[in-house]
């Protein structure tokens, strides 16, 4: 099992759902040759980006990388979202100034293995 828990968030799934509706609308509009419907579909896709971003900033999206197992649930809110996530473009766009250089590393629980110490292949 992977130590990474990418994409299992309320923000991620909500954004994908809205984008799927918008993308389907664009596809249907192209099939019917309706330019106004294409514009509406693309506007829905743009709304999905904004909704995902806002949900991420409010704590329903999680940072990339390794998290403790108790934070893997989709309904677990990220309490560190206010400060911003290290290396996160969304947080930087919102002015949340955490960068990879000044971010505090996550504490390692006793018995927990950091992903950096696990080889990716038998060669490593």
PDB file of N, CA and C in Angstrom:
ATOM      1  N   UNK A   1       0.839  -1.177   0.000  1.00  0.00           N
ATOM      2  CA  UNK A   1       0.000   0.000   0.000  1.00  0.00           C
ATOM      3  C   UNK A   1       0.888   1.245   0.000  1.00  0.00           C
ATOM      4  N   UNK A   2       0.476   2.220  -0.714  1.00  0.00           N
ATOM      5  CA  UNK A   2       1.248   3.447  -0.844  1.00  0.00           C
ATOM      6  C   UNK A   2       1.142   4.293   0.423  1.00  0.00           C
ATOM      7  N   UNK A   3       2.189   5.034   0.718  1.00  0.00           N
ATOM      8  CA  UNK A   3       2.160   5.972   1.829  1.00  0.00           C
ATOM      9  C   UNK A   3       1.515   7.290   1.423  1.00  0.00           C
ATOM     10  N   UNK A   4       1.250   7.463   0.151  1.00  0.00           N
ATOM     11  CA  UNK A   4       0.659   8.703  -0.342  1.00  0.00           C
ATOM     12  C   UNK A   4      -0.849   8.578  -0.419  1.00  0.00           C
ATOM     13  N   UNK A   5      -1.515   9.669  -0.195  1.00  0.00           N
ATOM     14  CA  UNK A   5      -2.979   9.709  -0.182  1.00  0.00           C
ATOM     15  C   UNK A   5      -3.430  10.850  -1.080  1.00  0.00           C
ATOM     16  N   UNK A   6      -3.079  10.781  -2.344  1.00  0.00           N
ATOM     17  CA  UNK A   6      -3.356  11.877  -3.262  1.00  0.00           C
ATOM     18  C   UNK A   6      -4.801  11.834  -3.764  1.00  0.00           C
ATOM     19  N   UNK A   7      -5.437  12.990  -3.788  1.00  0.00           N
ATOM     20  CA  UNK A   7      -6.719  13.144  -4.441  1.00  0.00           C
ATOM     21  C   UNK A   7      -7.939  12.705  -3.669  1.00  0.00           C
ATOM     22  N   UNK A   8      -7.780  12.135  -2.509  1.00  0.00           N
ATOM     23  CA  UNK A   8      -8.943  11.682  -1.748  1.00  0.00           C
ATOM     24  C   UNK A   8      -9.430  12.795  -0.842  1.00  0.00           C
ATOM     25  N   UNK A   9      -9.951  13.853  -1.452  1.00  0.00           N
ATOM     26  CA  UNK A   9     -10.413  15.000  -0.676  1.00  0.00           C
ATOM     27  C   UNK A   9     -11.761  15.470  -1.199  1.00  0.00           C
ATOM     28  N   UNK A  10     -12.459  16.170  -0.344  1.00  0.00           N
ATOM     29  CA  UNK A  10     -13.732  16.776  -0.740  1.00  0.00           C
ATOM     30  C   UNK A  10     -13.497  17.765  -1.882  1.00  0.00           C
ATOM     31  N   UNK A  11     -12.440  18.572  -1.778  1.00  0.00           N
ATOM     32  CA  UNK A  11     -12.136  19.559  -2.814  1.00  0.00           C
ATOM     33  C   UNK A  11     -11.871  18.869  -4.154  1.00  0.00           C
ATOM     34  N   UNK A  12     -11.085  17.813  -4.128  1.00  0.00           N
ATOM     35  CA  UNK A  12     -10.748  17.108  -5.368  1.00  0.00           C
ATOM     36  C   UNK A  12     -11.955  16.492  -6.050  1.00  0.00           C
ATOM     37  N   UNK A  13     -12.755  15.759  -5.299  1.00  0.00           N
ATOM     38  CA  UNK A  13     -13.906  15.097  -5.906  1.00  0.00           C
ATOM     39  C   UNK A  13     -14.993  16.084  -6.337  1.00  0.00           C
ATOM     40  N   UNK A  14     -15.179  17.156  -5.584  1.00  0.00           N
ATOM     41  CA  UNK A  14     -16.162  18.163  -5.994  1.00  0.00           C
ATOM     42  C   UNK A  14     -15.735  18.820  -7.295  1.00  0.00           C
ATOM     43  N   UNK A  15     -14.450  19.180  -7.377  1.00  0.00           N
ATOM     44  CA  UNK A  15     -13.929  19.785  -8.607  1.00  0.00           C
ATOM     45  C   UNK A  15     -14.049  18.860  -9.798  1.00  0.00           C
ATOM     46  N   UNK A  16     -13.749  17.586  -9.607  1.00  0.00           N
ATOM     47  CA  UNK A  16     -13.858  16.619 -10.707  1.00  0.00           C
ATOM     48  C   UNK A  16     -15.314  16.464 -11.150  1.00  0.00           C
ATOM     49  N   UNK A  17     -16.221  16.443 -10.192  1.00  0.00           N
ATOM     50  CA  UNK A  17     -17.640  16.303 -10.544  1.00  0.00           C
ATOM     51  C   UNK A  17     -18.151  17.479 -11.362  1.00  0.00           C
ATOM     52  N   UNK A  18     -17.822  18.680 -10.928  1.00  0.00           N
ATOM     53  CA  UNK A  18     -18.263  19.871 -11.662  1.00  0.00           C
ATOM     54  C   UNK A  18     -17.590  19.931 -13.031  1.00  0.00           C
ATOM     55  N   UNK A  19     -16.292  19.612 -13.092  1.00  0.00           N
ATOM     56  CA  UNK A  19     -15.577  19.624 -14.375  1.00  0.00           C
ATOM     57  C   UNK A  19     -16.128  18.565 -15.329  1.00  0.00           C
ATOM     58  N   UNK A  20     -16.547  17.433 -14.797  1.00  0.00           N
ATOM     59  CA  UNK A  20     -17.133  16.387 -15.652  1.00  0.00           C
ATOM     60  C   UNK A  20     -18.438  16.865 -16.276  1.00  0.00           C
ATOM     61  N   UNK A  21     -19.245  17.577 -15.496  1.00  0.00           N
ATOM     62  CA  UNK A  21     -20.490  18.133 -16.045  1.00  0.00           C
ATOM     63  C   UNK A  21     -20.170  19.159 -17.131  1.00  0.00           C
ATOM     64  N   UNK A  22     -19.204  20.034 -16.858  1.00  0.00           N
ATOM     65  CA  UNK A  22     -18.819  21.041 -17.849  1.00  0.00           C
ATOM     66  C   UNK A  22     -18.218  20.419 -19.097  1.00  0.00           C
ATOM     67  N   UNK A  23     -17.356  19.429 -18.921  1.00  0.00           N
ATOM     68  CA  UNK A  23     -16.751  18.751 -20.070  1.00  0.00           C
ATOM     69  C   UNK A  23     -17.781  18.001 -20.905  1.00  0.00           C
ATOM     70  N   UNK A  24     -18.739  17.387 -20.235  1.00  0.00           N
ATOM     71  CA  UNK A  24     -19.815  16.715 -20.970  1.00  0.00           C
ATOM     72  C   UNK A  24     -20.657  17.721 -21.743  1.00  0.00           C
ATOM     73  N   UNK A  25     -20.891  18.877 -21.123  1.00  0.00           N
ATOM     74  CA  UNK A  25     -21.634  19.928 -21.816  1.00  0.00           C
ATOM     75  C   UNK A  25     -20.896  20.437 -23.044  1.00  0.00           C
ATOM     76  N   UNK A  26     -19.580  20.586 -22.935  1.00  0.00           N
ATOM     77  CA  UNK A  26     -18.779  21.015 -24.082  1.00  0.00           C
ATOM     78  C   UNK A  26     -18.839  19.955 -25.180  1.00  0.00           C
ATOM     79  N   UNK A  27     -18.714  18.700 -24.804  1.00  0.00           N
ATOM     80  CA  UNK A  27     -18.782  17.623 -25.795  1.00  0.00           C
ATOM     81  C   UNK A  27     -20.118  17.584 -26.504  1.00  0.00           C
ATOM     82  N   UNK A  28     -21.194  17.734 -25.750  1.00  0.00           N
ATOM     83  CA  UNK A  28     -22.531  17.758 -26.356  1.00  0.00           C
ATOM     84  C   UNK A  28     -22.685  18.984 -27.257  1.00  0.00           C
ATOM     85  N   UNK A  29     -22.160  20.104 -26.828  1.00  0.00           N
ATOM     86  CA  UNK A  29     -22.249  21.331 -27.624  1.00  0.00           C
ATOM     87  C   UNK A  29     -21.473  21.207 -28.926  1.00  0.00           C
ATOM     88  N   UNK A  30     -20.322  20.558 -28.882  1.00  0.00           N
ATOM     89  CA  UNK A  30     -19.553  20.359 -30.107  1.00  0.00           C
ATOM     90  C   UNK A  30     -20.323  19.455 -31.069  1.00  0.00           C
ATOM     91  N   UNK A  31     -20.946  18.423 -30.532  1.00  0.00           N
ATOM     92  CA  UNK A  31     -21.722  17.508 -31.387  1.00  0.00           C
ATOM     93  C   UNK A  31     -22.922  18.205 -32.027  1.00  0.00           C
ATOM     94  N   UNK A  32     -23.511  19.156 -31.330  1.00  0.00           N
ATOM     95  CA  UNK A  32     -24.669  19.870 -31.867  1.00  0.00           C
ATOM     96  C   UNK A  32     -24.283  21.176 -32.553  1.00  0.00           C
ATOM     97  N   UNK A  33     -22.985  21.483 -32.609  1.00  0.00           N
ATOM     98  CA  UNK A  33     -22.447  22.686 -33.253  1.00  0.00           C
ATOM     99  C   UNK A  33     -23.061  23.962 -32.672  1.00  0.00           C
ATOM    100  N   UNK A  34     -23.103  24.034 -31.347  1.00  0.00           N
ATOM    101  CA  UNK A  34     -23.673  25.193 -30.664  1.00  0.00           C
ATOM    102  C   UNK A  34     -22.570  25.949 -29.931  1.00  0.00           C
ATOM    103  N   UNK A  35     -22.178  27.083 -30.473  1.00  0.00           N
ATOM    104  CA  UNK A  35     -21.114  27.883 -29.873  1.00  0.00           C
ATOM    105  C   UNK A  35     -21.512  28.408 -28.487  1.00  0.00           C
ATOM    106  N   UNK A  36     -22.742  28.918 -28.302  1.00  0.00           N
ATOM    107  CA  UNK A  36     -23.108  29.380 -26.952  1.00  0.00           C
ATOM    108  C   UNK A  36     -23.045  28.259 -25.906  1.00  0.00           C
ATOM    109  N   UNK A  37     -23.412  27.051 -26.284  1.00  0.00           N
ATOM    110  CA  UNK A  37     -23.354  25.937 -25.345  1.00  0.00           C
ATOM    111  C   UNK A  37     -21.906  25.562 -25.017  1.00  0.00           C
ATOM    112  N   UNK A  38     -20.997  25.708 -25.989  1.00  0.00           N
ATOM    113  CA  UNK A  38     -19.576  25.467 -25.729  1.00  0.00           C
ATOM    114  C   UNK A  38     -19.077  26.470 -24.693  1.00  0.00           C
ATOM    115  N   UNK A  39     -19.476  27.717 -24.845  1.00  0.00           N
ATOM    116  CA  UNK A  39     -19.064  28.766 -23.908  1.00  0.00           C
ATOM    117  C   UNK A  39     -19.604  28.463 -22.509  1.00  0.00           C
ATOM    118  N   UNK A  40     -20.848  28.029 -22.411  1.00  0.00           N
ATOM    119  CA  UNK A  40     -21.440  27.686 -21.115  1.00  0.00           C
ATOM    120  C   UNK A  40     -20.692  26.505 -20.487  1.00  0.00           C
ATOM    121  N   UNK A  41     -20.372  25.489 -21.281  1.00  0.00           N
ATOM    122  CA  UNK A  41     -19.625  24.341 -20.771  1.00  0.00           C
ATOM    123  C   UNK A  41     -18.251  24.729 -20.271  1.00  0.00           C
ATOM    124  N   UNK A  42     -17.560  25.587 -21.012  1.00  0.00           N
ATOM    125  CA  UNK A  42     -16.244  26.048 -20.576  1.00  0.00           C
ATOM    126  C   UNK A  42     -16.345  26.911 -19.317  1.00  0.00           C
ATOM    127  N   UNK A  43     -17.422  27.668 -19.194  1.00  0.00           N
ATOM    128  CA  UNK A  43     -17.635  28.462 -17.981  1.00  0.00           C
ATOM    129  C   UNK A  43     -17.841  27.546 -16.771  1.00  0.00           C
ATOM    130  N   UNK A  44     -18.540  26.435 -16.963  1.00  0.00           N
ATOM    131  CA  UNK A  44     -18.733  25.470 -15.875  1.00  0.00           C
ATOM    132  C   UNK A  44     -17.394  24.854 -15.468  1.00  0.00           C
ATOM    133  N   UNK A  45     -16.539  24.564 -16.444  1.00  0.00           N
ATOM    134  CA  UNK A  45     -15.209  24.035 -16.131  1.00  0.00           C
ATOM    135  C   UNK A  45     -14.404  25.079 -15.344  1.00  0.00           C
ATOM    136  N   UNK A  46     -14.512  26.335 -15.721  1.00  0.00           N
ATOM    137  CA  UNK A  46     -13.816  27.397 -14.982  1.00  0.00           C
ATOM    138  C   UNK A  46     -14.343  27.504 -13.548  1.00  0.00           C
ATOM    139  N   UNK A  47     -15.646  27.340 -13.375  1.00  0.00           N
ATOM    140  CA  UNK A  47     -16.241  27.361 -12.030  1.00  0.00           C
ATOM    141  C   UNK A  47     -15.689  26.200 -11.202  1.00  0.00           C
ATOM    142  N   UNK A  48     -15.467  25.051 -11.839  1.00  0.00           N
ATOM    143  CA  UNK A  48     -14.932  23.904 -11.093  1.00  0.00           C
ATOM    144  C   UNK A  48     -13.543  24.212 -10.545  1.00  0.00           C
ATOM    145  N   UNK A  49     -12.743  24.931 -11.308  1.00  0.00           N
ATOM    146  CA  UNK A  49     -11.411  25.310 -10.833  1.00  0.00           C
ATOM    147  C   UNK A  49     -11.531  26.234  -9.619  1.00  0.00           C
ATOM    148  N   UNK A  50     -12.407  27.210  -9.689  1.00  0.00           N
ATOM    149  CA  UNK A  50     -12.584  28.146  -8.575  1.00  0.00           C
ATOM    150  C   UNK A  50     -13.137  27.459  -7.330  1.00  0.00           C
ATOM    151  N   UNK A  51     -14.103  26.571  -7.512  1.00  0.00           N
ATOM    152  CA  UNK A  51     -14.684  25.854  -6.373  1.00  0.00           C
ATOM    153  C   UNK A  51     -13.635  24.969  -5.713  1.00  0.00           C
ATOM    154  N   UNK A  52     -12.854  24.263  -6.520  1.00  0.00           N
ATOM    155  CA  UNK A  52     -11.806  23.406  -5.974  1.00  0.00           C
ATOM    156  C   UNK A  52     -10.785  24.235  -5.197  1.00  0.00           C
ATOM    157  N   UNK A  53     -10.394  25.364  -5.747  1.00  0.00           N
ATOM    158  CA  UNK A  53      -9.429  26.240  -5.091  1.00  0.00           C
ATOM    159  C   UNK A  53      -9.967  26.748  -3.755  1.00  0.00           C
ATOM    160  N   UNK A  54     -11.205  27.216  -3.740  1.00  0.00           N
ATOM    161  CA  UNK A  54     -11.797  27.727  -2.507  1.00  0.00           C
ATOM    162  C   UNK A  54     -11.938  26.625  -1.450  1.00  0.00           C
ATOM    163  N   UNK A  55     -12.334  25.432  -1.871  1.00  0.00           N
ATOM    164  CA  UNK A  55     -12.430  24.325  -0.920  1.00  0.00           C
ATOM    165  C   UNK A  55     -11.053  23.943  -0.378  1.00  0.00           C
ATOM    166  N   UNK A  56     -10.053  23.967  -1.233  1.00  0.00           N
ATOM    167  CA  UNK A  56      -8.688  23.664  -0.790  1.00  0.00           C
ATOM    168  C   UNK A  56      -8.225  24.674   0.254  1.00  0.00           C
ATOM    169  N   UNK A  57      -8.480  25.943  -0.004  1.00  0.00           N
ATOM    170  CA  UNK A  57      -8.056  26.988   0.924  1.00  0.00           C
ATOM    171  C   UNK A  57      -8.824  26.942   2.243  1.00  0.00           C
ATOM    172  N   UNK A  58     -10.041  26.408   2.216  1.00  0.00           N
ATOM    173  CA  UNK A  58     -10.823  26.321   3.448  1.00  0.00           C
ATOM    174  C   UNK A  58     -10.527  25.049   4.241  1.00  0.00           C
ATOM    175  N   UNK A  59      -9.597  24.236   3.747  1.00  0.00           N
ATOM    176  CA  UNK A  59      -9.176  23.065   4.515  1.00  0.00           C
ATOM    177  C   UNK A  59      -9.698  21.744   4.015  1.00  0.00           C
ATOM    178  N   UNK A  60     -10.475  21.731   2.958  1.00  0.00           N
ATOM    179  CA  UNK A  60     -11.021  20.472   2.444  1.00  0.00           C
ATOM    180  C   UNK A  60     -10.148  19.848   1.365  1.00  0.00           C
ATOM    181  N   UNK A  61      -9.035  20.482   1.050  1.00  0.00           N
ATOM    182  CA  UNK A  61      -8.027  19.889   0.180  1.00  0.00           C
ATOM    183  C   UNK A  61      -6.772  19.702   1.007  1.00  0.00           C
ATOM    184  N   UNK A  62      -6.006  18.678   0.709  1.00  0.00           N
ATOM    185  CA  UNK A  62      -4.834  18.386   1.525  1.00  0.00           C
ATOM    186  C   UNK A  62      -3.562  18.598   0.727  1.00  0.00           C
ATOM    187  N   UNK A  63      -2.454  18.826   1.417  1.00  0.00           N
ATOM    188  CA  UNK A  63      -1.195  19.038   0.710  1.00  0.00           C
ATOM    189  C   UNK A  63      -0.675  17.737   0.107  1.00  0.00           C
ATOM    190  N   UNK A  64       0.171  17.824  -0.898  1.00  0.00           N
ATOM    191  CA  UNK A  64       0.762  16.614  -1.445  1.00  0.00           C
ATOM    192  C   UNK A  64       1.781  16.029  -0.474  1.00  0.00           C
ATOM    193  N   UNK A  65       2.053  14.764  -0.631  1.00  0.00           N
ATOM    194  CA  UNK A  65       3.076  14.125   0.186  1.00  0.00           C
ATOM    195  C   UNK A  65       2.505  13.192   1.223  1.00  0.00           C
ATOM    196  N   UNK A  66       3.373  12.765   2.105  1.00  0.00           N
ATOM    197  CA  UNK A  66       3.026  11.774   3.123  1.00  0.00           C
ATOM    198  C   UNK A  66       2.319  12.446   4.286  1.00  0.00           C
ATOM    199  N   UNK A  67       1.211  11.845   4.712  1.00  0.00           N
ATOM    200  CA  UNK A  67       0.480  12.296   5.893  1.00  0.00           C
ATOM    201  C   UNK A  67       0.277  11.115   6.816  1.00  0.00           C
ATOM    202  N   UNK A  68       0.087  11.376   8.099  1.00  0.00           N
ATOM    203  CA  UNK A  68      -0.215  10.276   9.017  1.00  0.00           C
ATOM    204  C   UNK A  68      -1.513   9.579   8.610  1.00  0.00           C
ATOM    205  N   UNK A  69      -1.609   8.307   8.912  1.00  0.00           N
ATOM    206  CA  UNK A  69      -2.750   7.497   8.491  1.00  0.00           C
ATOM    207  C   UNK A  69      -4.077   8.046   9.011  1.00  0.00           C
ATOM    208  N   UNK A  70      -4.085   8.653  10.185  1.00  0.00           N
ATOM    209  CA  UNK A  70      -5.348   9.173  10.725  1.00  0.00           C
ATOM    210  C   UNK A  70      -5.861  10.390   9.954  1.00  0.00           C
ATOM    211  N   UNK A  71      -5.064  10.952   9.057  1.00  0.00           N
ATOM    212  CA  UNK A  71      -5.499  12.079   8.234  1.00  0.00           C
ATOM    213  C   UNK A  71      -5.843  11.645   6.813  1.00  0.00           C
ATOM    214  N   UNK A  72      -5.908  10.367   6.553  1.00  0.00           N
ATOM    215  CA  UNK A  72      -6.182   9.876   5.207  1.00  0.00           C
ATOM    216  C   UNK A  72      -7.664   9.933   4.837  1.00  0.00           C
ATOM    217  N   UNK A  73      -8.546  10.020   5.791  1.00  0.00           N
ATOM    218  CA  UNK A  73      -9.973  10.020   5.491  1.00  0.00           C
ATOM    219  C   UNK A  73     -10.399  11.225   4.663  1.00  0.00           C
ATOM    220  N   UNK A  74     -11.380  11.015   3.810  1.00  0.00           N
ATOM    221  CA  UNK A  74     -11.832  12.091   2.941  1.00  0.00           C
ATOM    222  C   UNK A  74     -12.525  13.195   3.727  1.00  0.00           C
ATOM    223  N   UNK A  75     -13.135  12.851   4.839  1.00  0.00           N
ATOM    224  CA  UNK A  75     -13.870  13.841   5.623  1.00  0.00           C
ATOM    225  C   UNK A  75     -13.024  14.504   6.706  1.00  0.00           C
ATOM    226  N   UNK A  76     -11.720  14.259   6.671  1.00  0.00           N
ATOM    227  CA  UNK A  76     -10.817  14.877   7.642  1.00  0.00           C
ATOM    228  C   UNK A  76     -10.348  16.210   7.074  1.00  0.00           C
ATOM    229  N   UNK A  77     -10.598  17.251   7.819  1.00  0.00           N
ATOM    230  CA  UNK A  77     -10.224  18.592   7.373  1.00  0.00           C
ATOM    231  C   UNK A  77      -8.768  18.883   7.713  1.00  0.00           C
ATOM    232  N   UNK A  78      -8.081  19.572   6.827  1.00  0.00           N
ATOM    233  CA  UNK A  78      -6.685  19.923   7.030  1.00  0.00           C
ATOM    234  C   UNK A  78      -6.603  21.168   7.899  1.00  0.00           C
ATOM    235  N   UNK A  79      -6.078  21.015   9.093  1.00  0.00           N
ATOM    236  CA  UNK A  79      -6.014  22.128  10.033  1.00  0.00           C
ATOM    237  C   UNK A  79      -4.871  23.090   9.718  1.00  0.00           C
ATOM    238  N   UNK A  80      -3.917  22.686   8.878  1.00  0.00           N
ATOM    239  CA  UNK A  80      -2.785  23.540   8.546  1.00  0.00           C
ATOM    240  C   UNK A  80      -3.017  24.374   7.286  1.00  0.00           C
ATOM    241  N   UNK A  81      -4.206  24.369   6.746  1.00  0.00           N
ATOM    242  CA  UNK A  81      -4.487  25.083   5.499  1.00  0.00           C
ATOM    243  C   UNK A  81      -4.371  26.596   5.666  1.00  0.00           C
ATOM    244  N   UNK A  82      -4.612  27.103   6.856  1.00  0.00           N
ATOM    245  CA  UNK A  82      -4.538  28.548   7.085  1.00  0.00           C
ATOM    246  C   UNK A  82      -3.149  29.112   6.811  1.00  0.00           C
ATOM    247  N   UNK A  83      -2.092  28.361   7.195  1.00  0.00           N
ATOM    248  CA  UNK A  83      -0.729  28.830   6.975  1.00  0.00           C
ATOM    249  C   UNK A  83      -0.296  28.631   5.537  1.00  0.00           C
ATOM    250  N   UNK A  84      -0.919  27.726   4.835  1.00  0.00           N
ATOM    251  CA  UNK A  84      -0.524  27.387   3.481  1.00  0.00           C
ATOM    252  C   UNK A  84       0.328  26.134   3.476  1.00  0.00           C
ATOM    253  N   UNK A  85       0.332  25.455   2.362  1.00  0.00           N
ATOM    254  CA  UNK A  85       1.091  24.215   2.231  1.00  0.00           C
ATOM    255  C   UNK A  85       2.410  24.478   1.508  1.00  0.00           C
ATOM    256  N   UNK A  86       3.424  23.762   1.899  1.00  0.00           N
ATOM    257  CA  UNK A  86       4.744  23.917   1.289  1.00  0.00           C
ATOM    258  C   UNK A  86       4.686  23.502  -0.177  1.00  0.00           C
ATOM    259  N   UNK A  87       5.150  24.363  -1.043  1.00  0.00           N
ATOM    260  CA  UNK A  87       5.207  24.045  -2.468  1.00  0.00           C
ATOM    261  C   UNK A  87       3.856  24.031  -3.162  1.00  0.00           C
ATOM    262  N   UNK A  88       2.824  24.570  -2.557  1.00  0.00           N
ATOM    263  CA  UNK A  88       1.474  24.533  -3.124  1.00  0.00           C
ATOM    264  C   UNK A  88       1.203  25.815  -3.918  1.00  0.00           C
ATOM    265  N   UNK A  89       0.944  25.660  -5.196  1.00  0.00           N
ATOM    266  CA  UNK A  89       0.676  26.815  -6.052  1.00  0.00           C
ATOM    267  C   UNK A  89      -0.612  27.510  -5.622  1.00  0.00           C
ATOM    268  N   UNK A  90      -1.633  26.744  -5.265  1.00  0.00           N
ATOM    269  CA  UNK A  90      -2.899  27.334  -4.837  1.00  0.00           C
ATOM    270  C   UNK A  90      -2.722  28.225  -3.617  1.00  0.00           C
ATOM    271  N   UNK A  91      -1.948  27.753  -2.668  1.00  0.00           N
ATOM    272  CA  UNK A  91      -1.723  28.554  -1.460  1.00  0.00           C
ATOM    273  C   UNK A  91      -0.908  29.797  -1.773  1.00  0.00           C
ATOM    274  N   UNK A  92       0.070  29.668  -2.652  1.00  0.00           N
ATOM    275  CA  UNK A  92       0.870  30.846  -3.019  1.00  0.00           C
ATOM    276  C   UNK A  92       0.019  31.870  -3.755  1.00  0.00           C
ATOM    277  N   UNK A  93      -0.902  31.423  -4.611  1.00  0.00           N
ATOM    278  CA  UNK A  93      -1.788  32.353  -5.309  1.00  0.00           C
ATOM    279  C   UNK A  93      -2.695  33.099  -4.330  1.00  0.00           C
ATOM    280  N   UNK A  94      -3.025  32.450  -3.226  1.00  0.00           N
ATOM    281  CA  UNK A  94      -3.876  33.080  -2.223  1.00  0.00           C
ATOM    282  C   UNK A  94      -3.084  33.943  -1.251  1.00  0.00           C
ATOM    283  N   UNK A  95      -1.751  33.986  -1.411  1.00  0.00           N
ATOM    284  CA  UNK A  95      -0.932  34.802  -0.542  1.00  0.00           C
ATOM    285  C   UNK A  95      -0.557  34.131   0.760  1.00  0.00           C
ATOM    286  N   UNK A  96      -0.709  32.845   0.811  1.00  0.00           N
ATOM    287  CA  UNK A  96      -0.313  32.114   2.007  1.00  0.00           C
ATOM    288  C   UNK A  96       1.129  31.691   1.816  1.00  0.00           C
ATOM    289  N   UNK A  97       2.029  32.418   2.450  1.00  0.00           N
ATOM    290  CA  UNK A  97       3.434  32.414   2.113  1.00  0.00           C
ATOM    291  C   UNK A  97       4.285  31.239   2.489  1.00  0.00           C
ATOM    292  N   UNK A  98       3.770  30.083   2.766  1.00  0.00           N
ATOM    293  CA  UNK A  98       4.643  28.954   3.080  1.00  0.00           C
ATOM    294  C   UNK A  98       5.337  28.456   1.844  1.00  0.00           C
ATOM    295  N   UNK A  99       6.613  28.308   1.917  1.00  0.00           N
ATOM    296  CA  UNK A  99       7.373  27.731   0.814  1.00  0.00           C
ATOM    297  C   UNK A  99       8.089  26.496   1.325  1.00  0.00           C
ATOM    298  N   UNK A 100       8.640  25.737   0.430  1.00  0.00           N
ATOM    299  CA  UNK A 100       9.333  24.522   0.825  1.00  0.00           C
ATOM    300  C   UNK A 100      10.532  24.838   1.712  1.00  0.00           C
ATOM    301  N   UNK A 101      11.137  25.998   1.539  1.00  0.00           N
ATOM    302  CA  UNK A 101      12.332  26.346   2.306  1.00  0.00           C
ATOM    303  C   UNK A 101      12.013  26.678   3.759  1.00  0.00           C
ATOM    304  N   UNK A 102      10.881  27.362   4.016  1.00  0.00           N
ATOM    305  CA  UNK A 102      10.590  27.759   5.392  1.00  0.00           C
ATOM    306  C   UNK A 102       9.482  26.944   6.037  1.00  0.00           C
ATOM    307  N   UNK A 103       9.039  25.885   5.402  1.00  0.00           N
ATOM    308  CA  UNK A 103       7.971  25.057   5.960  1.00  0.00           C
ATOM    309  C   UNK A 103       8.526  24.164   7.054  1.00  0.00           C
ATOM    310  N   UNK A 104       7.764  24.041   8.120  1.00  0.00           N
ATOM    311  CA  UNK A 104       8.168  23.143   9.191  1.00  0.00           C
ATOM    312  C   UNK A 104       7.869  21.706   8.773  1.00  0.00           C
ATOM    313  N   UNK A 105       8.812  20.799   8.954  1.00  0.00           N
ATOM    314  CA  UNK A 105       8.543  19.415   8.570  1.00  0.00           C
ATOM    315  C   UNK A 105       7.497  18.789   9.485  1.00  0.00           C
ATOM    316  N   UNK A 106       6.717  17.860   8.928  1.00  0.00           N
ATOM    317  CA  UNK A 106       5.714  17.171   9.730  1.00  0.00           C
ATOM    318  C   UNK A 106       6.418  16.262  10.725  1.00  0.00           C
ATOM    319  N   UNK A 107       5.929  16.225  11.967  1.00  0.00           N
ATOM    320  CA  UNK A 107       6.562  15.347  12.942  1.00  0.00           C
ATOM    321  C   UNK A 107       6.340  13.882  12.558  1.00  0.00           C
ATOM    322  N   UNK A 108       7.317  13.067  12.869  1.00  0.00           N
ATOM    323  CA  UNK A 108       7.233  11.644  12.570  1.00  0.00           C
ATOM    324  C   UNK A 108       6.835  10.918  13.842  1.00  0.00           C
ATOM    325  N   UNK A 109       5.726  10.174  13.778  1.00  0.00           N
ATOM    326  CA  UNK A 109       5.269   9.409  14.927  1.00  0.00           C
ATOM    327  C   UNK A 109       6.197   8.217  15.137  1.00  0.00           C
ATOM    328  N   UNK A 110       6.225   7.722  16.354  1.00  0.00           N
ATOM    329  CA  UNK A 110       7.085   6.593  16.664  1.00  0.00           C
ATOM    330  C   UNK A 110       6.636   5.378  15.855  1.00  0.00           C
ATOM    331  N   UNK A 111       7.570   4.748  15.191  1.00  0.00           N
ATOM    332  CA  UNK A 111       7.268   3.574  14.380  1.00  0.00           C
ATOM    333  C   UNK A 111       6.834   3.910  12.961  1.00  0.00           C
ATOM    334  N   UNK A 112       6.633   5.202  12.664  1.00  0.00           N
ATOM    335  CA  UNK A 112       6.214   5.614  11.329  1.00  0.00           C
ATOM    336  C   UNK A 112       7.431   5.672  10.407  1.00  0.00           C
ATOM    337  N   UNK A 113       7.226   5.304   9.146  1.00  0.00           N
ATOM    338  CA  UNK A 113       8.312   5.292   8.176  1.00  0.00           C
ATOM    339  C   UNK A 113       8.098   6.438   7.203  1.00  0.00           C
ATOM    340  N   UNK A 114       9.112   7.258   7.008  1.00  0.00           N
ATOM    341  CA  UNK A 114       9.037   8.344   6.040  1.00  0.00           C
ATOM    342  C   UNK A 114       9.205   7.773   4.646  1.00  0.00           C
ATOM    343  N   UNK A 115       8.512   8.329   3.684  1.00  0.00           N
ATOM    344  CA  UNK A 115       8.559   7.831   2.317  1.00  0.00           C
ATOM    345  C   UNK A 115       9.951   7.980   1.713  1.00  0.00           C
ATOM    346  N   UNK A 116      10.698   8.983   2.161  1.00  0.00           N
ATOM    347  CA  UNK A 116      12.031   9.197   1.610  1.00  0.00           C
ATOM    348  C   UNK A 116      12.963   8.031   1.916  1.00  0.00           C
ATOM    349  N   UNK A 117      12.667   7.264   2.968  1.00  0.00           N
ATOM    350  CA  UNK A 117      13.545   6.171   3.361  1.00  0.00           C
ATOM    351  C   UNK A 117      13.165   4.848   2.701  1.00  0.00           C
ATOM    352  N   UNK A 118      12.054   4.822   1.988  1.00  0.00           N
ATOM    353  CA  UNK A 118      11.607   3.595   1.336  1.00  0.00           C
ATOM    354  C   UNK A 118      12.097   3.593  -0.113  1.00  0.00           C
ATOM    355  N   UNK A 119      12.845   2.590  -0.526  1.00  0.00           N
ATOM    356  CA  UNK A 119      13.299   2.543  -1.929  1.00  0.00           C
ATOM    357  C   UNK A 119      12.115   2.332  -2.868  1.00  0.00           C
ATOM    358  N   UNK A 120      12.178   2.972  -4.029  1.00  0.00           N
ATOM    359  CA  UNK A 120      11.111   2.874  -5.007  1.00  0.00           C
ATOM    360  C   UNK A 120      11.197   1.604  -5.848  1.00  0.00           C
ATOM    361  N   UNK A 121      12.381   1.055  -5.963  1.00  0.00           N
ATOM    362  CA  UNK A 121      12.559  -0.160  -6.743  1.00  0.00           C
ATOM    363  C   UNK A 121      13.674  -0.986  -6.115  1.00  0.00           C
ATOM    364  N   UNK A 122      13.786  -2.258  -6.487  1.00  0.00           N
ATOM    365  CA  UNK A 122      14.843  -3.090  -5.927  1.00  0.00           C
ATOM    366  C   UNK A 122      16.237  -2.570  -6.258  1.00  0.00           C
ATOM    367  N   UNK A 123      16.369  -1.787  -7.308  1.00  0.00           N
ATOM    368  CA  UNK A 123      17.671  -1.258  -7.716  1.00  0.00           C
ATOM    369  C   UNK A 123      18.161  -0.222  -6.724  1.00  0.00           C
ATOM    370  N   UNK A 124      17.230   0.577  -6.180  1.00  0.00           N
ATOM    371  CA  UNK A 124      17.618   1.637  -5.255  1.00  0.00           C
ATOM    372  C   UNK A 124      17.959   1.013  -3.954  1.00  0.00           C
TER     373      UNK A 124
END
